[in-house]
Structures are given as structure tokens and as C-alpha cells.
Amino acid sequence: MIAPVLIVALAVFGVIKPNFTGTWVMDKARSFNNPAGLEQTMIVKQDGDTISIDATLVMTQGERKVTETWKLNNTAEEFTPPAQQGAPTDARGKRTAYWLAGDRGAIMNEEIAAGGKTLSQTQRKWTLLPDGKTLIVDYFIDGPRGSYEAKRVFQKKD
């Protein structure tokens, strides 16, 4: 009886970090301000403070696969952003990620620059609800077309 109570107490007081591992399917009805027709599935693997994401995004323009790795250690990691139409070929990126205070979730920041000029900045806030089956990803995006926010709510697929 003491062990389950201890586990719940540790989770409530933020000693246990959330584990995002699983297959997550976006709930379009609970998500908002996303591209028209967007469907997204993510396979997330977490090993300690490292999160690997294999995502499939289906949009009106077709399907796109995205693979990312994030280290939640608050250290900038350089990466080469995927080529996009009209984007400079010398674009480079930096990713920084860390646990939220109280280990309630994670913040993932990404900046893409070229020629000494910042092209875009994206911040994602990942929050796993206490049920362990609902993941909320809040997006804050600043880019050439302005600034906007989006929310994607995912349900864990059993």
C-alpha cells in the first residue's frame, strides 16, 4: 500500500519526469490553428533526457516524414534543417530543450538562421496530462509570415 502512494506523491511533487514514449495520434477536434486538413502521428522514444520523434504529417500538399532528436539538457545542439522551397541553401539550425519547472513537461526551442539572419524561431511546450494518455503540444512560431500560436492535442494509441 505504501509503494503506490509513494509513486503518486513523487509524481505530484515533480520528482518523476513524464515519459513521452509511445505512439501519439493528433485529435483534430481538440487541436486548433493548424494547417487545413492536418493529420499527425508521432512515434516517440524517450531514453532519460533524450527524446526521439518519428512523425508523419498528412496535409493537403501530401505526406511528410519528420525525424528529430532532442536532448533535454538546456544545451544548444546544431542541426541542418530540411530543405524547403524558397529557403536559403546555407540555412542552419539550433535546438535547445529542457524540462519544465517541476518536471511537468518539456520546452523545445528551435531557431533557423542563414547569412547571419534569423529566419524562424519555434517553441514547443510538451505537457503530458496526469492520465498519461493525453499529450498537449503548444506551438509558438515566429517566422517570415509573422507570429502565431497553435495547439495539437494527441491521444496515446494502445
N, C-alpha and C. Protein backbone atom coordinates (compact mmCIF):
# COMPACT_ATOMS: atom_id res chain seq x y z
N MET A 1 0.81 -1.20 0.00
CA MET A 1 0.00 0.00 0.00
C MET A 1 0.86 1.26 0.00
N ILE A 2 2.00 1.21 0.64
CA ILE A 2 2.86 2.39 0.71
C ILE A 2 3.50 2.69 -0.64
N ALA A 3 3.89 1.68 -1.41
CA ALA A 3 4.56 1.90 -2.69
C ALA A 3 3.69 2.70 -3.66
N PRO A 4 2.40 2.33 -3.90
CA PRO A 4 1.59 3.14 -4.82
C PRO A 4 1.41 4.58 -4.35
N VAL A 5 1.25 4.77 -3.05
CA VAL A 5 1.10 6.12 -2.51
C VAL A 5 2.37 6.92 -2.74
N LEU A 6 3.52 6.30 -2.55
CA LEU A 6 4.81 6.96 -2.75
C LEU A 6 4.98 7.37 -4.22
N ILE A 7 4.63 6.48 -5.14
CA ILE A 7 4.76 6.79 -6.57
C ILE A 7 3.87 7.98 -6.94
N VAL A 8 2.63 7.98 -6.46
CA VAL A 8 1.73 9.11 -6.74
C VAL A 8 2.28 10.39 -6.13
N ALA A 9 2.78 10.33 -4.91
CA ALA A 9 3.33 11.52 -4.26
C ALA A 9 4.54 12.04 -5.01
N LEU A 10 5.41 11.15 -5.47
CA LEU A 10 6.59 11.58 -6.23
C LEU A 10 6.18 12.25 -7.54
N ALA A 11 5.16 11.70 -8.21
CA ALA A 11 4.68 12.28 -9.46
C ALA A 11 4.06 13.66 -9.22
N VAL A 12 3.28 13.79 -8.16
CA VAL A 12 2.62 15.06 -7.85
C VAL A 12 3.64 16.14 -7.52
N PHE A 13 4.68 15.78 -6.81
CA PHE A 13 5.67 16.78 -6.39
C PHE A 13 6.82 16.92 -7.38
N GLY A 14 6.69 16.31 -8.56
CA GLY A 14 7.63 16.57 -9.64
C GLY A 14 8.95 15.85 -9.56
N VAL A 15 9.03 14.79 -8.82
CA VAL A 15 10.29 14.06 -8.76
C VAL A 15 10.40 13.11 -9.95
N ILE A 16 9.27 12.60 -10.43
CA ILE A 16 9.27 11.70 -11.58
C ILE A 16 8.97 12.53 -12.82
N LYS A 17 9.89 12.47 -13.79
CA LYS A 17 9.69 13.20 -15.04
C LYS A 17 8.69 12.44 -15.91
N PRO A 18 7.91 13.16 -16.71
CA PRO A 18 6.97 12.46 -17.59
C PRO A 18 7.72 11.63 -18.62
N ASN A 19 7.11 10.54 -19.02
CA ASN A 19 7.68 9.70 -20.06
C ASN A 19 6.77 9.81 -21.27
N PHE A 20 7.30 10.35 -22.36
CA PHE A 20 6.53 10.62 -23.57
C PHE A 20 6.53 9.44 -24.54
N THR A 21 7.17 8.34 -24.19
CA THR A 21 7.28 7.19 -25.08
C THR A 21 5.89 6.69 -25.49
N GLY A 22 5.75 6.42 -26.78
CA GLY A 22 4.50 5.85 -27.28
C GLY A 22 4.18 6.33 -28.67
N THR A 23 3.06 5.85 -29.18
CA THR A 23 2.53 6.29 -30.47
C THR A 23 1.39 7.24 -30.17
N TRP A 24 1.49 8.44 -30.73
CA TRP A 24 0.55 9.53 -30.43
C TRP A 24 -0.16 9.95 -31.72
N VAL A 25 -1.48 10.02 -31.66
CA VAL A 25 -2.30 10.41 -32.81
C VAL A 25 -2.99 11.73 -32.48
N MET A 26 -2.86 12.70 -33.39
CA MET A 26 -3.46 14.01 -33.15
C MET A 26 -4.98 13.93 -33.18
N ASP A 27 -5.60 14.54 -32.18
CA ASP A 27 -7.05 14.67 -32.08
C ASP A 27 -7.42 16.01 -32.73
N LYS A 28 -7.86 15.96 -33.99
CA LYS A 28 -8.15 17.19 -34.74
C LYS A 28 -9.23 18.04 -34.08
N ALA A 29 -10.19 17.40 -33.44
CA ALA A 29 -11.30 18.13 -32.82
C ALA A 29 -10.85 18.97 -31.63
N ARG A 30 -9.77 18.57 -30.96
CA ARG A 30 -9.30 19.29 -29.78
C ARG A 30 -8.09 20.18 -30.10
N SER A 31 -7.60 20.12 -31.33
CA SER A 31 -6.44 20.90 -31.75
C SER A 31 -6.93 22.12 -32.53
N PHE A 32 -6.10 23.17 -32.57
CA PHE A 32 -6.56 24.35 -33.31
C PHE A 32 -5.40 25.15 -33.88
N ASN A 33 -5.75 25.98 -34.88
CA ASN A 33 -4.84 26.90 -35.56
C ASN A 33 -3.71 26.16 -36.27
N ASN A 34 -4.04 25.00 -36.84
CA ASN A 34 -3.08 24.19 -37.58
C ASN A 34 -3.41 24.28 -39.07
N PRO A 35 -2.48 23.86 -39.94
CA PRO A 35 -2.77 23.88 -41.38
C PRO A 35 -4.03 23.08 -41.71
N ALA A 36 -4.77 23.54 -42.69
CA ALA A 36 -6.01 22.87 -43.10
C ALA A 36 -5.75 21.41 -43.43
N GLY A 37 -6.61 20.54 -42.88
CA GLY A 37 -6.53 19.12 -43.19
C GLY A 37 -5.39 18.37 -42.52
N LEU A 38 -4.66 19.00 -41.61
CA LEU A 38 -3.50 18.36 -40.98
C LEU A 38 -3.92 17.14 -40.17
N GLU A 39 -3.21 16.04 -40.40
CA GLU A 39 -3.28 14.85 -39.58
C GLU A 39 -1.85 14.53 -39.18
N GLN A 40 -1.64 14.11 -37.93
CA GLN A 40 -0.28 13.84 -37.48
C GLN A 40 -0.25 12.64 -36.54
N THR A 41 0.73 11.79 -36.76
CA THR A 41 1.01 10.67 -35.88
C THR A 41 2.50 10.74 -35.52
N MET A 42 2.80 10.57 -34.23
CA MET A 42 4.20 10.60 -33.77
C MET A 42 4.51 9.30 -33.04
N ILE A 43 5.67 8.76 -33.34
CA ILE A 43 6.22 7.67 -32.55
C ILE A 43 7.36 8.29 -31.76
N VAL A 44 7.21 8.29 -30.43
CA VAL A 44 8.17 8.95 -29.56
C VAL A 44 8.88 7.89 -28.72
N LYS A 45 10.19 8.00 -28.67
CA LYS A 45 11.00 7.13 -27.82
C LYS A 45 11.79 8.03 -26.88
N GLN A 46 11.74 7.71 -25.62
CA GLN A 46 12.45 8.52 -24.62
C GLN A 46 13.41 7.63 -23.86
N ASP A 47 14.65 8.10 -23.79
CA ASP A 47 15.69 7.42 -23.01
C ASP A 47 16.30 8.47 -22.09
N GLY A 48 15.84 8.51 -20.86
CA GLY A 48 16.31 9.52 -19.93
C GLY A 48 15.91 10.90 -20.40
N ASP A 49 16.92 11.74 -20.69
CA ASP A 49 16.67 13.11 -21.13
C ASP A 49 16.74 13.27 -22.65
N THR A 50 16.72 12.17 -23.39
CA THR A 50 16.75 12.23 -24.85
C THR A 50 15.42 11.74 -25.41
N ILE A 51 14.84 12.57 -26.28
CA ILE A 51 13.56 12.24 -26.91
C ILE A 51 13.77 12.16 -28.42
N SER A 52 13.39 11.03 -29.01
CA SER A 52 13.45 10.84 -30.45
C SER A 52 12.03 10.79 -30.99
N ILE A 53 11.80 11.53 -32.07
CA ILE A 53 10.47 11.65 -32.64
C ILE A 53 10.52 11.24 -34.11
N ASP A 54 9.63 10.32 -34.49
CA ASP A 54 9.39 10.00 -35.90
C ASP A 54 7.94 10.35 -36.15
N ALA A 55 7.72 11.42 -36.91
CA ALA A 55 6.37 11.92 -37.14
C ALA A 55 5.98 11.79 -38.61
N THR A 56 4.71 11.52 -38.81
CA THR A 56 4.13 11.53 -40.15
C THR A 56 3.05 12.60 -40.15
N LEU A 57 3.20 13.56 -41.05
CA LEU A 57 2.22 14.63 -41.19
C LEU A 57 1.56 14.49 -42.55
N VAL A 58 0.24 14.49 -42.55
CA VAL A 58 -0.52 14.43 -43.79
C VAL A 58 -1.25 15.77 -43.93
N MET A 59 -0.96 16.44 -45.05
CA MET A 59 -1.56 17.75 -45.31
C MET A 59 -2.14 17.73 -46.73
N THR A 60 -2.80 18.80 -47.11
CA THR A 60 -3.38 18.87 -48.44
C THR A 60 -2.30 18.75 -49.52
N GLN A 61 -1.04 19.14 -49.19
CA GLN A 61 0.06 19.07 -50.16
C GLN A 61 0.66 17.66 -50.23
N GLY A 62 0.26 16.76 -49.34
CA GLY A 62 0.80 15.41 -49.34
C GLY A 62 1.34 15.03 -47.97
N GLU A 63 2.06 13.92 -47.94
CA GLU A 63 2.59 13.38 -46.69
C GLU A 63 4.04 13.79 -46.52
N ARG A 64 4.41 14.07 -45.26
CA ARG A 64 5.79 14.45 -44.95
C ARG A 64 6.22 13.70 -43.70
N LYS A 65 7.43 13.16 -43.74
CA LYS A 65 8.02 12.47 -42.59
C LYS A 65 9.03 13.40 -41.94
N VAL A 66 9.01 13.44 -40.61
CA VAL A 66 9.94 14.27 -39.85
C VAL A 66 10.57 13.41 -38.77
N THR A 67 11.90 13.45 -38.70
CA THR A 67 12.63 12.73 -37.66
C THR A 67 13.47 13.74 -36.90
N GLU A 68 13.32 13.76 -35.58
CA GLU A 68 14.05 14.71 -34.74
C GLU A 68 14.53 14.01 -33.47
N THR A 69 15.64 14.53 -32.95
CA THR A 69 16.13 14.09 -31.64
C THR A 69 16.37 15.33 -30.81
N TRP A 70 15.88 15.29 -29.58
CA TRP A 70 16.00 16.41 -28.64
C TRP A 70 16.67 15.92 -27.37
N LYS A 71 17.64 16.67 -26.88
CA LYS A 71 18.28 16.39 -25.60
C LYS A 71 17.82 17.45 -24.61
N LEU A 72 17.14 17.02 -23.55
CA LEU A 72 16.57 17.94 -22.57
C LEU A 72 17.62 18.30 -21.52
N ASN A 73 18.69 18.96 -22.00
CA ASN A 73 19.79 19.34 -21.11
C ASN A 73 20.13 20.83 -21.17
N ASN A 74 19.28 21.61 -21.84
CA ASN A 74 19.45 23.07 -21.95
C ASN A 74 20.77 23.46 -22.62
N THR A 75 21.24 22.61 -23.53
CA THR A 75 22.45 22.88 -24.29
C THR A 75 22.09 22.97 -25.77
N ALA A 76 22.56 23.99 -26.45
CA ALA A 76 22.26 24.17 -27.88
C ALA A 76 22.92 23.06 -28.70
N GLU A 77 22.13 22.46 -29.56
CA GLU A 77 22.60 21.43 -30.48
C GLU A 77 22.37 21.93 -31.90
N GLU A 78 23.39 21.90 -32.73
CA GLU A 78 23.23 22.34 -34.11
C GLU A 78 22.65 21.21 -34.96
N PHE A 79 21.88 21.60 -35.99
CA PHE A 79 21.31 20.63 -36.92
C PHE A 79 21.12 21.31 -38.27
N THR A 80 20.96 20.49 -39.30
CA THR A 80 20.69 21.01 -40.63
C THR A 80 19.19 20.89 -40.88
N PRO A 81 18.50 22.02 -41.04
CA PRO A 81 17.06 21.95 -41.27
C PRO A 81 16.75 21.34 -42.63
N PRO A 82 15.58 20.69 -42.76
CA PRO A 82 15.21 20.13 -44.06
C PRO A 82 15.06 21.24 -45.10
N ALA A 83 15.45 20.94 -46.32
CA ALA A 83 15.34 21.92 -47.40
C ALA A 83 13.87 22.25 -47.65
N GLN A 84 13.60 23.54 -47.80
CA GLN A 84 12.24 23.99 -48.10
C GLN A 84 12.30 24.91 -49.30
N GLN A 85 11.24 24.88 -50.08
CA GLN A 85 11.17 25.71 -51.27
C GLN A 85 11.33 27.18 -50.90
N GLY A 86 12.26 27.85 -51.58
CA GLY A 86 12.48 29.27 -51.37
C GLY A 86 13.41 29.59 -50.20
N ALA A 87 13.81 28.58 -49.42
CA ALA A 87 14.69 28.82 -48.27
C ALA A 87 16.15 28.84 -48.73
N PRO A 88 17.00 29.64 -48.07
CA PRO A 88 18.42 29.67 -48.43
C PRO A 88 19.06 28.29 -48.24
N THR A 89 19.99 27.97 -49.12
CA THR A 89 20.65 26.66 -49.04
C THR A 89 21.65 26.60 -47.88
N ASP A 90 22.04 27.76 -47.34
CA ASP A 90 23.01 27.77 -46.23
C ASP A 90 22.33 27.83 -44.86
N ALA A 91 21.03 27.52 -44.81
CA ALA A 91 20.30 27.59 -43.54
C ALA A 91 20.86 26.57 -42.54
N ARG A 92 20.99 27.01 -41.31
CA ARG A 92 21.48 26.16 -40.21
C ARG A 92 20.53 26.35 -39.03
N GLY A 93 20.47 25.32 -38.19
CA GLY A 93 19.57 25.40 -37.06
C GLY A 93 20.23 25.09 -35.74
N LYS A 94 19.58 25.55 -34.66
CA LYS A 94 19.99 25.24 -33.28
C LYS A 94 18.76 24.80 -32.52
N ARG A 95 18.93 23.75 -31.74
CA ARG A 95 17.85 23.27 -30.88
C ARG A 95 18.32 23.27 -29.44
N THR A 96 17.45 23.75 -28.57
CA THR A 96 17.71 23.73 -27.13
C THR A 96 16.44 23.23 -26.46
N ALA A 97 16.58 22.29 -25.55
CA ALA A 97 15.40 21.74 -24.87
C ALA A 97 15.71 21.52 -23.40
N TYR A 98 14.67 21.62 -22.60
CA TYR A 98 14.84 21.42 -21.15
C TYR A 98 13.50 21.04 -20.52
N TRP A 99 13.59 20.48 -19.32
CA TRP A 99 12.40 20.12 -18.57
C TRP A 99 11.76 21.38 -18.00
N LEU A 100 10.44 21.40 -17.96
CA LEU A 100 9.72 22.47 -17.30
C LEU A 100 9.96 22.40 -15.80
N ALA A 101 9.81 23.52 -15.11
CA ALA A 101 9.93 23.54 -13.65
C ALA A 101 8.95 22.52 -13.07
N GLY A 102 9.40 21.77 -12.11
CA GLY A 102 8.54 20.76 -11.51
C GLY A 102 8.40 19.52 -12.37
N ASP A 103 9.19 19.44 -13.44
CA ASP A 103 9.17 18.28 -14.34
C ASP A 103 7.77 17.96 -14.86
N ARG A 104 6.98 19.00 -15.16
CA ARG A 104 5.62 18.80 -15.66
C ARG A 104 5.58 18.55 -17.15
N GLY A 105 6.67 18.78 -17.84
CA GLY A 105 6.71 18.64 -19.29
C GLY A 105 8.05 19.14 -19.79
N ALA A 106 8.09 19.54 -21.04
CA ALA A 106 9.35 19.96 -21.64
C ALA A 106 9.13 21.16 -22.57
N ILE A 107 10.18 21.94 -22.72
CA ILE A 107 10.22 23.05 -23.68
C ILE A 107 11.26 22.70 -24.73
N MET A 108 10.90 22.87 -26.00
CA MET A 108 11.81 22.58 -27.12
C MET A 108 11.86 23.82 -28.00
N ASN A 109 13.03 24.45 -28.06
CA ASN A 109 13.22 25.66 -28.87
C ASN A 109 14.05 25.34 -30.10
N GLU A 110 13.65 25.95 -31.21
CA GLU A 110 14.37 25.74 -32.47
C GLU A 110 14.51 27.08 -33.17
N GLU A 111 15.72 27.36 -33.62
CA GLU A 111 15.98 28.59 -34.37
C GLU A 111 16.69 28.22 -35.66
N ILE A 112 16.21 28.79 -36.78
CA ILE A 112 16.82 28.56 -38.08
C ILE A 112 17.32 29.90 -38.60
N ALA A 113 18.59 29.91 -39.02
CA ALA A 113 19.22 31.15 -39.49
C ALA A 113 20.00 30.88 -40.78
N ALA A 114 20.24 31.94 -41.52
CA ALA A 114 21.06 31.89 -42.73
C ALA A 114 21.67 33.26 -42.95
N GLY A 115 22.91 33.29 -43.36
CA GLY A 115 23.57 34.56 -43.64
C GLY A 115 23.57 35.51 -42.46
N GLY A 116 23.65 34.99 -41.25
CA GLY A 116 23.69 35.82 -40.05
C GLY A 116 22.33 36.39 -39.65
N LYS A 117 21.27 35.96 -40.32
CA LYS A 117 19.93 36.48 -40.04
C LYS A 117 19.01 35.33 -39.59
N THR A 118 18.27 35.57 -38.51
CA THR A 118 17.32 34.58 -38.04
C THR A 118 16.13 34.53 -38.99
N LEU A 119 15.80 33.32 -39.47
CA LEU A 119 14.69 33.14 -40.39
C LEU A 119 13.41 32.75 -39.65
N SER A 120 13.56 31.89 -38.63
CA SER A 120 12.38 31.48 -37.87
C SER A 120 12.78 30.99 -36.49
N GLN A 121 11.84 31.12 -35.56
CA GLN A 121 12.00 30.61 -34.21
C GLN A 121 10.72 29.89 -33.84
N THR A 122 10.86 28.70 -33.29
CA THR A 122 9.71 27.91 -32.88
C THR A 122 9.94 27.40 -31.47
N GLN A 123 8.93 27.54 -30.63
CA GLN A 123 8.99 26.96 -29.30
C GLN A 123 7.82 26.00 -29.17
N ARG A 124 8.11 24.80 -28.67
CA ARG A 124 7.07 23.80 -28.40
C ARG A 124 7.06 23.53 -26.91
N LYS A 125 5.90 23.53 -26.36
CA LYS A 125 5.73 23.17 -24.95
C LYS A 125 4.97 21.85 -24.91
N TRP A 126 5.63 20.80 -24.43
CA TRP A 126 5.01 19.49 -24.32
C TRP A 126 4.53 19.29 -22.89
N THR A 127 3.26 18.96 -22.73
CA THR A 127 2.70 18.69 -21.41
C THR A 127 1.94 17.37 -21.47
N LEU A 128 2.31 16.43 -20.61
CA LEU A 128 1.62 15.15 -20.51
C LEU A 128 0.62 15.24 -19.37
N LEU A 129 -0.65 15.03 -19.68
CA LEU A 129 -1.67 15.12 -18.63
C LEU A 129 -1.52 13.94 -17.67
N PRO A 130 -2.06 14.08 -16.45
CA PRO A 130 -1.90 13.02 -15.43
C PRO A 130 -2.40 11.64 -15.87
N ASP A 131 -3.34 11.58 -16.83
CA ASP A 131 -3.82 10.27 -17.29
C ASP A 131 -2.76 9.51 -18.07
N GLY A 132 -1.68 10.21 -18.51
CA GLY A 132 -0.61 9.56 -19.26
C GLY A 132 -1.00 9.22 -20.69
N LYS A 133 -2.21 9.55 -21.09
CA LYS A 133 -2.71 9.20 -22.42
C LYS A 133 -3.02 10.42 -23.27
N THR A 134 -2.82 11.62 -22.72
CA THR A 134 -3.08 12.86 -23.45
C THR A 134 -1.84 13.73 -23.41
N LEU A 135 -1.34 14.06 -24.59
CA LEU A 135 -0.17 14.92 -24.74
C LEU A 135 -0.61 16.20 -25.43
N ILE A 136 -0.30 17.34 -24.81
CA ILE A 136 -0.61 18.63 -25.42
C ILE A 136 0.69 19.28 -25.86
N VAL A 137 0.72 19.68 -27.12
CA VAL A 137 1.90 20.37 -27.66
C VAL A 137 1.44 21.76 -28.11
N ASP A 138 1.91 22.78 -27.39
CA ASP A 138 1.64 24.17 -27.74
C ASP A 138 2.79 24.68 -28.59
N TYR A 139 2.47 25.28 -29.72
CA TYR A 139 3.48 25.83 -30.64
C TYR A 139 3.41 27.35 -30.60
N PHE A 140 4.58 27.98 -30.54
CA PHE A 140 4.71 29.43 -30.64
C PHE A 140 5.72 29.67 -31.75
N ILE A 141 5.27 30.24 -32.87
CA ILE A 141 6.09 30.32 -34.08
C ILE A 141 6.25 31.77 -34.51
N ASP A 142 7.49 32.15 -34.76
CA ASP A 142 7.82 33.46 -35.33
C ASP A 142 8.61 33.21 -36.60
N GLY A 143 8.10 33.70 -37.73
CA GLY A 143 8.77 33.46 -39.00
C GLY A 143 8.50 34.57 -39.98
N PRO A 144 8.88 34.36 -41.23
CA PRO A 144 8.73 35.39 -42.26
C PRO A 144 7.28 35.83 -42.48
N ARG A 145 6.33 34.96 -42.18
CA ARG A 145 4.91 35.30 -42.37
C ARG A 145 4.27 35.84 -41.10
N GLY A 146 5.07 36.12 -40.09
CA GLY A 146 4.53 36.67 -38.85
C GLY A 146 4.61 35.68 -37.70
N SER A 147 3.88 35.99 -36.64
CA SER A 147 3.87 35.16 -35.44
C SER A 147 2.49 34.55 -35.26
N TYR A 148 2.47 33.31 -34.77
CA TYR A 148 1.20 32.69 -34.46
C TYR A 148 1.40 31.56 -33.46
N GLU A 149 0.28 31.12 -32.90
CA GLU A 149 0.28 30.01 -31.95
C GLU A 149 -0.62 28.92 -32.50
N ALA A 150 -0.29 27.68 -32.13
CA ALA A 150 -1.12 26.53 -32.50
C ALA A 150 -1.08 25.54 -31.35
N LYS A 151 -2.09 24.72 -31.28
CA LYS A 151 -2.15 23.67 -30.26
C LYS A 151 -2.50 22.37 -30.93
N ARG A 152 -1.74 21.33 -30.57
CA ARG A 152 -2.05 19.98 -31.05
C ARG A 152 -2.21 19.09 -29.83
N VAL A 153 -3.35 18.44 -29.78
CA VAL A 153 -3.65 17.51 -28.69
C VAL A 153 -3.56 16.10 -29.26
N PHE A 154 -2.78 15.26 -28.60
CA PHE A 154 -2.56 13.89 -29.06
C PHE A 154 -3.10 12.90 -28.04
N GLN A 155 -3.63 11.81 -28.56
CA GLN A 155 -4.07 10.70 -27.71
C GLN A 155 -3.11 9.54 -27.93
N LYS A 156 -2.76 8.88 -26.84
CA LYS A 156 -1.84 7.74 -26.93
C LYS A 156 -2.60 6.55 -27.50
N LYS A 157 -1.99 5.94 -28.50
CA LYS A 157 -2.58 4.78 -29.15
C LYS A 157 -2.12 3.55 -28.40
N ASP A 158 -3.06 2.71 -28.01
CA ASP A 158 -2.70 1.49 -27.27
C ASP A 158 -2.12 0.42 -28.15
